């Protein structure tokens, strides 16, 4: 990302249900780090398992598989 662009990061469980929204704001073109505390949007701890991170930015979308191990 070279310029400022809106970025949306959401985490979904294996059933495709949204668990957490991590970001929905404009970021500049530099490197950013966003941590997930393994909690859902209601502050409840998520169980170990497979989750998917969906990233939408600059008209592009990508999905990344993650494994949460406690």
PDB file of N, CA and C in Angstrom:
ATOM      1  N   UNK A   1       0.843  -1.163   0.000  1.00  0.00           N
ATOM      2  CA  UNK A   1       0.000   0.000   0.000  1.00  0.00           C
ATOM      3  C   UNK A   1       0.895   1.234   0.000  1.00  0.00           C
ATOM      4  N   UNK A   2       0.890   1.989  -1.073  1.00  0.00           N
ATOM      5  CA  UNK A   2       1.772   3.142  -1.178  1.00  0.00           C
ATOM      6  C   UNK A   2       1.169   4.409  -0.594  1.00  0.00           C
ATOM      7  N   UNK A   3      -0.158   4.581  -0.655  1.00  0.00           N
ATOM      8  CA  UNK A   3      -0.808   5.768  -0.133  1.00  0.00           C
ATOM      9  C   UNK A   3      -1.739   5.380   0.999  1.00  0.00           C
ATOM     10  N   UNK A   4      -2.419   6.382   1.528  1.00  0.00           N
ATOM     11  CA  UNK A   4      -3.437   6.096   2.532  1.00  0.00           C
ATOM     12  C   UNK A   4      -4.599   5.363   1.878  1.00  0.00           C
ATOM     13  N   UNK A   5      -5.134   4.378   2.580  1.00  0.00           N
ATOM     14  CA  UNK A   5      -6.261   3.604   2.053  1.00  0.00           C
ATOM     15  C   UNK A   5      -7.058   3.031   3.217  1.00  0.00           C
ATOM     16  N   UNK A   6      -8.359   2.853   3.014  1.00  0.00           N
ATOM     17  CA  UNK A   6      -9.147   2.195   4.057  1.00  0.00           C
ATOM     18  C   UNK A   6      -8.755   0.721   4.158  1.00  0.00           C
ATOM     19  N   UNK A   7      -8.652   0.241   5.378  1.00  0.00           N
ATOM     20  CA  UNK A   7      -8.283  -1.155   5.627  1.00  0.00           C
ATOM     21  C   UNK A   7      -9.320  -1.755   6.567  1.00  0.00           C
ATOM     22  N   UNK A   8      -9.792  -2.940   6.219  1.00  0.00           N
ATOM     23  CA  UNK A   8     -10.742  -3.654   7.067  1.00  0.00           C
ATOM     24  C   UNK A   8     -10.179  -5.046   7.334  1.00  0.00           C
ATOM     25  N   UNK A   9     -10.065  -5.410   8.605  1.00  0.00           N
ATOM     26  CA  UNK A   9      -9.566  -6.725   9.019  1.00  0.00           C
ATOM     27  C   UNK A   9     -10.626  -7.393   9.880  1.00  0.00           C
ATOM     28  N   UNK A  10     -11.073  -8.564   9.464  1.00  0.00           N
ATOM     29  CA  UNK A  10     -12.069  -9.318  10.219  1.00  0.00           C
ATOM     30  C   UNK A  10     -11.594 -10.750  10.398  1.00  0.00           C
ATOM     31  N   UNK A  11     -11.944 -11.343  11.535  1.00  0.00           N
ATOM     32  CA  UNK A  11     -11.606 -12.734  11.818  1.00  0.00           C
ATOM     33  C   UNK A  11     -12.894 -13.551  11.829  1.00  0.00           C
ATOM     34  N   UNK A  12     -12.850 -14.698  11.136  1.00  0.00           N
ATOM     35  CA  UNK A  12     -14.001 -15.597  11.030  1.00  0.00           C
ATOM     36  C   UNK A  12     -13.632 -16.969  11.580  1.00  0.00           C
ATOM     37  N   UNK A  13     -14.619 -17.662  12.134  1.00  0.00           N
ATOM     38  CA  UNK A  13     -14.372 -19.028  12.597  1.00  0.00           C
ATOM     39  C   UNK A  13     -14.535 -20.004  11.435  1.00  0.00           C
ATOM     40  N   UNK A  14     -14.365 -21.266  11.708  1.00  0.00           N
ATOM     41  CA  UNK A  14     -14.408 -22.304  10.671  1.00  0.00           C
ATOM     42  C   UNK A  14     -15.793 -22.408  10.025  1.00  0.00           C
ATOM     43  N   UNK A  15     -16.837 -21.940  10.731  1.00  0.00           N
ATOM     44  CA  UNK A  15     -18.203 -21.956  10.198  1.00  0.00           C
ATOM     45  C   UNK A  15     -18.497 -20.738   9.321  1.00  0.00           C
ATOM     46  N   UNK A  16     -17.540 -19.811   9.241  1.00  0.00           N
ATOM     47  CA  UNK A  16     -17.741 -18.607   8.446  1.00  0.00           C
ATOM     48  C   UNK A  16     -18.418 -17.480   9.199  1.00  0.00           C
ATOM     49  N   UNK A  17     -18.569 -17.627  10.510  1.00  0.00           N
ATOM     50  CA  UNK A  17     -19.182 -16.587  11.331  1.00  0.00           C
ATOM     51  C   UNK A  17     -18.120 -15.577  11.751  1.00  0.00           C
ATOM     52  N   UNK A  18     -18.459 -14.282  11.640  1.00  0.00           N
ATOM     53  CA  UNK A  18     -17.488 -13.261  12.049  1.00  0.00           C
ATOM     54  C   UNK A  18     -17.321 -13.302  13.560  1.00  0.00           C
ATOM     55  N   UNK A  19     -16.065 -13.400  13.997  1.00  0.00           N
ATOM     56  CA  UNK A  19     -15.722 -13.480  15.410  1.00  0.00           C
ATOM     57  C   UNK A  19     -15.271 -12.117  15.926  1.00  0.00           C
ATOM     58  N   UNK A  20     -14.478 -11.425  15.122  1.00  0.00           N
ATOM     59  CA  UNK A  20     -13.879 -10.167  15.599  1.00  0.00           C
ATOM     60  C   UNK A  20     -13.564  -9.242  14.437  1.00  0.00           C
ATOM     61  N   UNK A  21     -13.828  -7.962  14.633  1.00  0.00           N
ATOM     62  CA  UNK A  21     -13.382  -6.925  13.703  1.00  0.00           C
ATOM     63  C   UNK A  21     -12.158  -6.278  14.327  1.00  0.00           C
ATOM     64  N   UNK A  22     -11.019  -6.390  13.662  1.00  0.00           N
ATOM     65  CA  UNK A  22      -9.776  -5.846  14.213  1.00  0.00           C
ATOM     66  C   UNK A  22      -9.501  -4.428  13.747  1.00  0.00           C
ATOM     67  N   UNK A  23      -9.916  -4.094  12.543  1.00  0.00           N
ATOM     68  CA  UNK A  23      -9.649  -2.753  12.018  1.00  0.00           C
ATOM     69  C   UNK A  23     -10.693  -2.409  10.970  1.00  0.00           C
ATOM     70  N   UNK A  24     -11.043  -1.139  10.944  1.00  0.00           N
ATOM     71  CA  UNK A  24     -11.924  -0.594   9.915  1.00  0.00           C
ATOM     72  C   UNK A  24     -11.652   0.899   9.872  1.00  0.00           C
ATOM     73  N   UNK A  25     -10.472   1.252   9.346  1.00  0.00           N
ATOM     74  CA  UNK A  25     -10.048   2.648   9.329  1.00  0.00           C
ATOM     75  C   UNK A  25      -9.032   2.874   8.216  1.00  0.00           C
ATOM     76  N   UNK A  26      -8.635   4.105   8.061  1.00  0.00           N
ATOM     77  CA  UNK A  26      -7.663   4.465   7.025  1.00  0.00           C
ATOM     78  C   UNK A  26      -6.255   4.358   7.604  1.00  0.00           C
ATOM     79  N   UNK A  27      -5.381   3.669   6.869  1.00  0.00           N
ATOM     80  CA  UNK A  27      -3.978   3.532   7.250  1.00  0.00           C
ATOM     81  C   UNK A  27      -3.108   4.161   6.174  1.00  0.00           C
ATOM     82  N   UNK A  28      -1.954   4.653   6.578  1.00  0.00           N
ATOM     83  CA  UNK A  28      -0.996   5.202   5.623  1.00  0.00           C
ATOM     84  C   UNK A  28      -0.165   4.074   5.030  1.00  0.00           C
ATOM     85  N   UNK A  29       0.658   4.384   4.037  1.00  0.00           N
ATOM     86  CA  UNK A  29       1.398   3.381   3.287  1.00  0.00           C
ATOM     87  C   UNK A  29       2.569   2.742   3.985  1.00  0.00           C
ATOM     88  N   UNK A  30       2.717   2.913   5.255  1.00  0.00           N
ATOM     89  CA  UNK A  30       3.844   2.259   5.931  1.00  0.00           C
ATOM     90  C   UNK A  30       3.395   0.949   6.568  1.00  0.00           C
ATOM     91  N   UNK A  31       4.306   0.239   7.172  1.00  0.00           N
ATOM     92  CA  UNK A  31       4.029  -1.065   7.778  1.00  0.00           C
ATOM     93  C   UNK A  31       3.299  -0.875   9.108  1.00  0.00           C
ATOM     94  N   UNK A  32       2.297  -1.717   9.345  1.00  0.00           N
ATOM     95  CA  UNK A  32       1.522  -1.672  10.584  1.00  0.00           C
ATOM     96  C   UNK A  32       1.433  -3.076  11.165  1.00  0.00           C
ATOM     97  N   UNK A  33       1.318  -3.151  12.475  1.00  0.00           N
ATOM     98  CA  UNK A  33       1.104  -4.432  13.153  1.00  0.00           C
ATOM     99  C   UNK A  33      -0.176  -4.320  13.970  1.00  0.00           C
ATOM    100  N   UNK A  34      -1.022  -5.322  13.850  1.00  0.00           N
ATOM    101  CA  UNK A  34      -2.267  -5.361  14.610  1.00  0.00           C
ATOM    102  C   UNK A  34      -2.309  -6.697  15.328  1.00  0.00           C
ATOM    103  N   UNK A  35      -2.442  -6.659  16.638  1.00  0.00           N
ATOM    104  CA  UNK A  35      -2.469  -7.878  17.446  1.00  0.00           C
ATOM    105  C   UNK A  35      -3.908  -8.295  17.731  1.00  0.00           C
ATOM    106  N   UNK A  36      -4.140  -9.595  17.740  1.00  0.00           N
ATOM    107  CA  UNK A  36      -5.428 -10.149  18.146  1.00  0.00           C
ATOM    108  C   UNK A  36      -5.229 -10.802  19.499  1.00  0.00           C
ATOM    109  N   UNK A  37      -6.041 -10.427  20.466  1.00  0.00           N
ATOM    110  CA  UNK A  37      -5.937 -10.966  21.822  1.00  0.00           C
ATOM    111  C   UNK A  37      -6.699 -12.283  22.005  1.00  0.00           C
ATOM    112  N   UNK A  38      -7.116 -12.910  20.916  1.00  0.00           N
ATOM    113  CA  UNK A  38      -7.842 -14.190  20.911  1.00  0.00           C
ATOM    114  C   UNK A  38      -9.196 -14.079  21.601  1.00  0.00           C
ATOM    115  N   UNK A  39      -9.800 -12.874  21.523  1.00  0.00           N
ATOM    116  CA  UNK A  39     -11.140 -12.656  22.061  1.00  0.00           C
ATOM    117  C   UNK A  39     -12.064 -12.240  20.934  1.00  0.00           C
ATOM    118  N   UNK A  40     -13.363 -12.492  21.136  1.00  0.00           N
ATOM    119  CA  UNK A  40     -14.341 -12.084  20.135  1.00  0.00           C
ATOM    120  C   UNK A  40     -14.746 -10.627  20.366  1.00  0.00           C
ATOM    121  N   UNK A  41     -15.698 -10.132  19.579  1.00  0.00           N
ATOM    122  CA  UNK A  41     -16.136  -8.740  19.701  1.00  0.00           C
ATOM    123  C   UNK A  41     -16.822  -8.445  21.029  1.00  0.00           C
ATOM    124  N   UNK A  42     -17.225  -9.487  21.767  1.00  0.00           N
ATOM    125  CA  UNK A  42     -17.887  -9.312  23.063  1.00  0.00           C
ATOM    126  C   UNK A  42     -16.925  -9.497  24.234  1.00  0.00           C
ATOM    127  N   UNK A  43     -15.633  -9.688  23.948  1.00  0.00           N
ATOM    128  CA  UNK A  43     -14.633  -9.848  24.993  1.00  0.00           C
ATOM    129  C   UNK A  43     -14.486 -11.261  25.522  1.00  0.00           C
ATOM    130  N   UNK A  44     -15.184 -12.213  24.899  1.00  0.00           N
ATOM    131  CA  UNK A  44     -15.082 -13.612  25.333  1.00  0.00           C
ATOM    132  C   UNK A  44     -13.891 -14.286  24.658  1.00  0.00           C
ATOM    133  N   UNK A  45     -13.217 -15.148  25.405  1.00  0.00           N
ATOM    134  CA  UNK A  45     -12.059 -15.872  24.866  1.00  0.00           C
ATOM    135  C   UNK A  45     -12.504 -16.844  23.780  1.00  0.00           C
ATOM    136  N   UNK A  46     -11.770 -16.884  22.687  1.00  0.00           N
ATOM    137  CA  UNK A  46     -12.039 -17.826  21.596  1.00  0.00           C
ATOM    138  C   UNK A  46     -11.332 -19.143  21.895  1.00  0.00           C
ATOM    139  N   UNK A  47     -11.931 -20.219  21.448  1.00  0.00           N
ATOM    140  CA  UNK A  47     -11.332 -21.532  21.679  1.00  0.00           C
ATOM    141  C   UNK A  47     -10.239 -21.810  20.653  1.00  0.00           C
ATOM    142  N   UNK A  48      -9.402 -22.765  20.963  1.00  0.00           N
ATOM    143  CA  UNK A  48      -8.364 -23.190  20.022  1.00  0.00           C
ATOM    144  C   UNK A  48      -9.026 -23.708  18.756  1.00  0.00           C
ATOM    145  N   UNK A  49      -8.385 -23.485  17.621  1.00  0.00           N
ATOM    146  CA  UNK A  49      -8.933 -23.979  16.364  1.00  0.00           C
ATOM    147  C   UNK A  49      -8.486 -23.147  15.183  1.00  0.00           C
ATOM    148  N   UNK A  50      -9.122 -23.393  14.047  1.00  0.00           N
ATOM    149  CA  UNK A  50      -8.796 -22.704  12.800  1.00  0.00           C
ATOM    150  C   UNK A  50      -9.663 -21.456  12.675  1.00  0.00           C
ATOM    151  N   UNK A  51      -9.026 -20.357  12.298  1.00  0.00           N
ATOM    152  CA  UNK A  51      -9.704 -19.086  12.053  1.00  0.00           C
ATOM    153  C   UNK A  51      -9.180 -18.518  10.742  1.00  0.00           C
ATOM    154  N   UNK A  52      -9.956 -17.626  10.167  1.00  0.00           N
ATOM    155  CA  UNK A  52      -9.564 -16.983   8.913  1.00  0.00           C
ATOM    156  C   UNK A  52      -9.543 -15.476   9.099  1.00  0.00           C
ATOM    157  N   UNK A  53      -8.476 -14.847   8.634  1.00  0.00           N
ATOM    158  CA  UNK A  53      -8.341 -13.396   8.640  1.00  0.00           C
ATOM    159  C   UNK A  53      -8.664 -12.901   7.241  1.00  0.00           C
ATOM    160  N   UNK A  54      -9.639 -12.015   7.136  1.00  0.00           N
ATOM    161  CA  UNK A  54      -9.988 -11.418   5.847  1.00  0.00           C
ATOM    162  C   UNK A  54      -9.511  -9.977   5.856  1.00  0.00           C
ATOM    163  N   UNK A  55      -8.722  -9.617   4.852  1.00  0.00           N
ATOM    164  CA  UNK A  55      -8.162  -8.273   4.717  1.00  0.00           C
ATOM    165  C   UNK A  55      -8.739  -7.644   3.460  1.00  0.00           C
ATOM    166  N   UNK A  56      -9.344  -6.469   3.610  1.00  0.00           N
ATOM    167  CA  UNK A  56      -9.859  -5.716   2.467  1.00  0.00           C
ATOM    168  C   UNK A  56      -9.180  -4.357   2.488  1.00  0.00           C
ATOM    169  N   UNK A  57      -8.516  -4.011   1.378  1.00  0.00           N
ATOM    170  CA  UNK A  57      -7.828  -2.726   1.287  1.00  0.00           C
ATOM    171  C   UNK A  57      -7.607  -2.359  -0.168  1.00  0.00           C
ATOM    172  N   UNK A  58      -7.848  -1.103  -0.480  1.00  0.00           N
ATOM    173  CA  UNK A  58      -7.567  -0.610  -1.822  1.00  0.00           C
ATOM    174  C   UNK A  58      -8.259  -1.389  -2.917  1.00  0.00           C
ATOM    175  N   UNK A  59      -9.471  -1.860  -2.666  1.00  0.00           N
ATOM    176  CA  UNK A  59     -10.205  -2.617  -3.669  1.00  0.00           C
ATOM    177  C   UNK A  59      -9.768  -4.064  -3.800  1.00  0.00           C
ATOM    178  N   UNK A  60      -8.826  -4.498  -2.975  1.00  0.00           N
ATOM    179  CA  UNK A  60      -8.347  -5.882  -3.010  1.00  0.00           C
ATOM    180  C   UNK A  60      -8.794  -6.599  -1.741  1.00  0.00           C
ATOM    181  N   UNK A  61      -8.943  -7.910  -1.843  1.00  0.00           N
ATOM    182  CA  UNK A  61      -9.345  -8.716  -0.702  1.00  0.00           C
ATOM    183  C   UNK A  61      -8.471  -9.968  -0.648  1.00  0.00           C
ATOM    184  N   UNK A  62      -8.081 -10.362   0.561  1.00  0.00           N
ATOM    185  CA  UNK A  62      -7.321 -11.603   0.716  1.00  0.00           C
ATOM    186  C   UNK A  62      -7.779 -12.303   1.988  1.00  0.00           C
ATOM    187  N   UNK A  63      -7.585 -13.609   2.018  1.00  0.00           N
ATOM    188  CA  UNK A  63      -7.972 -14.412   3.167  1.00  0.00           C
ATOM    189  C   UNK A  63      -6.762 -15.227   3.601  1.00  0.00           C
ATOM    190  N   UNK A  64      -6.536 -15.287   4.914  1.00  0.00           N
ATOM    191  CA  UNK A  64      -5.388 -15.999   5.466  1.00  0.00           C
ATOM    192  C   UNK A  64      -5.870 -16.957   6.554  1.00  0.00           C
ATOM    193  N   UNK A  65      -5.413 -18.189   6.484  1.00  0.00           N
ATOM    194  CA  UNK A  65      -5.777 -19.206   7.469  1.00  0.00           C
ATOM    195  C   UNK A  65      -4.858 -19.087   8.676  1.00  0.00           C
ATOM    196  N   UNK A  66      -5.449 -19.159   9.880  1.00  0.00           N
ATOM    197  CA  UNK A  66      -4.675 -19.070  11.118  1.00  0.00           C
ATOM    198  C   UNK A  66      -5.060 -20.229  12.027  1.00  0.00           C
ATOM    199  N   UNK A  67      -4.140 -20.630  12.859  1.00  0.00           N
ATOM    200  CA  UNK A  67      -4.404 -21.665  13.849  1.00  0.00           C
ATOM    201  C   UNK A  67      -4.163 -21.071  15.227  1.00  0.00           C
ATOM    202  N   UNK A  68      -5.199 -21.057  16.058  1.00  0.00           N
ATOM    203  CA  UNK A  68      -5.091 -20.559  17.424  1.00  0.00           C
ATOM    204  C   UNK A  68      -4.865 -21.750  18.342  1.00  0.00           C
ATOM    205  N   UNK A  69      -3.733 -21.747  19.027  1.00  0.00           N
ATOM    206  CA  UNK A  69      -3.383 -22.817  19.962  1.00  0.00           C
ATOM    207  C   UNK A  69      -3.201 -22.194  21.332  1.00  0.00           C
ATOM    208  N   UNK A  70      -3.912 -22.719  22.302  1.00  0.00           N
ATOM    209  CA  UNK A  70      -3.801 -22.188  23.670  1.00  0.00           C
ATOM    210  C   UNK A  70      -3.039 -23.146  24.546  1.00  0.00           C
TER     211      UNK A  70
END
